[in-house]
């Protein structure tokens, strides 16, 4: 989701990042565009690679969410699980 889309929903990225930091959570934004199927597949694969690196290489605990509350975050997690578990 583009920054303008987030802003229209009242989401302030800098404020969100600061609030997470107060609790020792590193905020990483990885936008997954789901407008075109070909882009979605590529973005899901790339997101799964990033998750794999964060979880299995860096040993981080990861919280995945979608600002729109649709199917992107479950799709990212399912792609990760299918490829790496």
Protein backbone atom coordinates (compact mmCIF):
# COMPACT_ATOMS: atom_id res chain seq x y z
CA UNK A 1 0.00 0.00 0.00
CA UNK A 2 1.36 3.40 -0.93
CA UNK A 3 2.11 6.01 1.72
CA UNK A 4 -0.72 8.20 0.38
CA UNK A 5 -3.17 5.33 0.85
CA UNK A 6 -1.99 4.86 4.43
CA UNK A 7 -2.29 8.57 5.10
CA UNK A 8 -5.87 8.58 3.81
CA UNK A 9 -6.64 5.88 6.40
CA UNK A 10 -5.13 8.00 9.15
CA UNK A 11 -1.99 5.85 9.47
CA UNK A 12 1.14 7.83 10.31
CA UNK A 13 4.13 5.67 9.49
CA UNK A 14 6.70 7.63 11.50
CA UNK A 15 4.43 7.64 14.55
CA UNK A 16 3.78 3.90 14.15
CA UNK A 17 7.50 3.20 13.84
CA UNK A 18 8.23 5.26 16.98
CA UNK A 19 5.51 3.51 18.98
CA UNK A 20 6.90 0.11 18.05
CA UNK A 21 10.45 1.24 18.92
CA UNK A 22 9.33 2.20 22.44
CA UNK A 23 8.47 -1.47 22.94
CA UNK A 24 11.71 -2.76 21.39
CA UNK A 25 10.06 -3.76 18.11
CA UNK A 26 11.76 -2.94 14.83
CA UNK A 27 9.18 -1.82 12.28
CA UNK A 28 9.86 -2.93 8.72
CA UNK A 29 7.43 -1.99 5.99
CA UNK A 30 7.24 -4.30 3.02
CA UNK A 31 4.48 -3.32 0.63
CA UNK A 32 2.79 -6.14 -1.29
CA UNK A 33 0.97 -4.87 -4.36
CA UNK A 34 -1.98 -7.12 -5.17
CA UNK A 35 -3.48 -5.17 -8.06
CA UNK A 36 -2.04 -7.41 -10.78
CA UNK A 37 -1.73 -11.16 -10.34
CA UNK A 38 1.76 -11.27 -11.87
CA UNK A 39 2.98 -8.60 -9.43
CA UNK A 40 1.31 -10.33 -6.51
CA UNK A 41 3.10 -13.63 -7.18
CA UNK A 42 6.47 -11.89 -7.44
CA UNK A 43 5.82 -9.79 -4.33
CA UNK A 44 4.69 -12.82 -2.30
CA UNK A 45 7.87 -14.69 -3.23
CA UNK A 46 10.06 -11.72 -2.30
CA UNK A 47 8.19 -11.20 0.97
CA UNK A 48 8.62 -14.90 1.82
CA UNK A 49 12.36 -14.61 1.17
CA UNK A 50 12.56 -11.63 3.54
CA UNK A 51 10.62 -13.53 6.20
CA UNK A 52 12.90 -16.52 5.82
CA UNK A 53 15.93 -14.31 6.31
CA UNK A 54 14.46 -12.59 9.35
CA UNK A 55 13.23 -15.79 10.99
CA UNK A 56 15.75 -18.47 10.03
CA UNK A 57 18.92 -16.43 9.50
CA UNK A 58 18.57 -13.57 11.97
CA UNK A 59 16.46 -15.48 14.52
CA UNK A 60 13.88 -12.71 14.83
CA UNK A 61 10.30 -12.98 15.99
CA UNK A 62 8.09 -11.50 13.28
CA UNK A 63 4.59 -10.03 13.35
CA UNK A 64 2.99 -9.80 9.89
CA UNK A 65 -0.07 -7.68 9.27
CA UNK A 66 -1.94 -5.92 6.50
CA UNK A 67 -3.25 -2.40 6.99
CA UNK A 68 -6.28 -3.13 4.84
CA UNK A 69 -7.14 -6.30 6.71
CA UNK A 70 -7.58 -8.29 3.53
CA UNK A 71 -5.76 -11.41 2.41
CA UNK A 72 -2.20 -10.18 1.87
CA UNK A 73 -0.73 -11.06 5.26
CA UNK A 74 -2.14 -14.62 5.25
CA UNK A 75 -0.97 -15.01 1.64
CA UNK A 76 2.55 -13.92 2.61
CA UNK A 77 2.61 -16.34 5.54
CA UNK A 78 1.26 -19.24 3.49
CA UNK A 79 3.88 -18.58 0.80
CA UNK A 80 6.61 -18.54 3.46
CA UNK A 81 5.35 -21.78 5.00
CA UNK A 82 5.02 -23.51 1.63
CA UNK A 83 8.55 -22.54 0.58
CA UNK A 84 10.52 -22.83 3.83
CA UNK A 85 8.73 -25.18 6.25
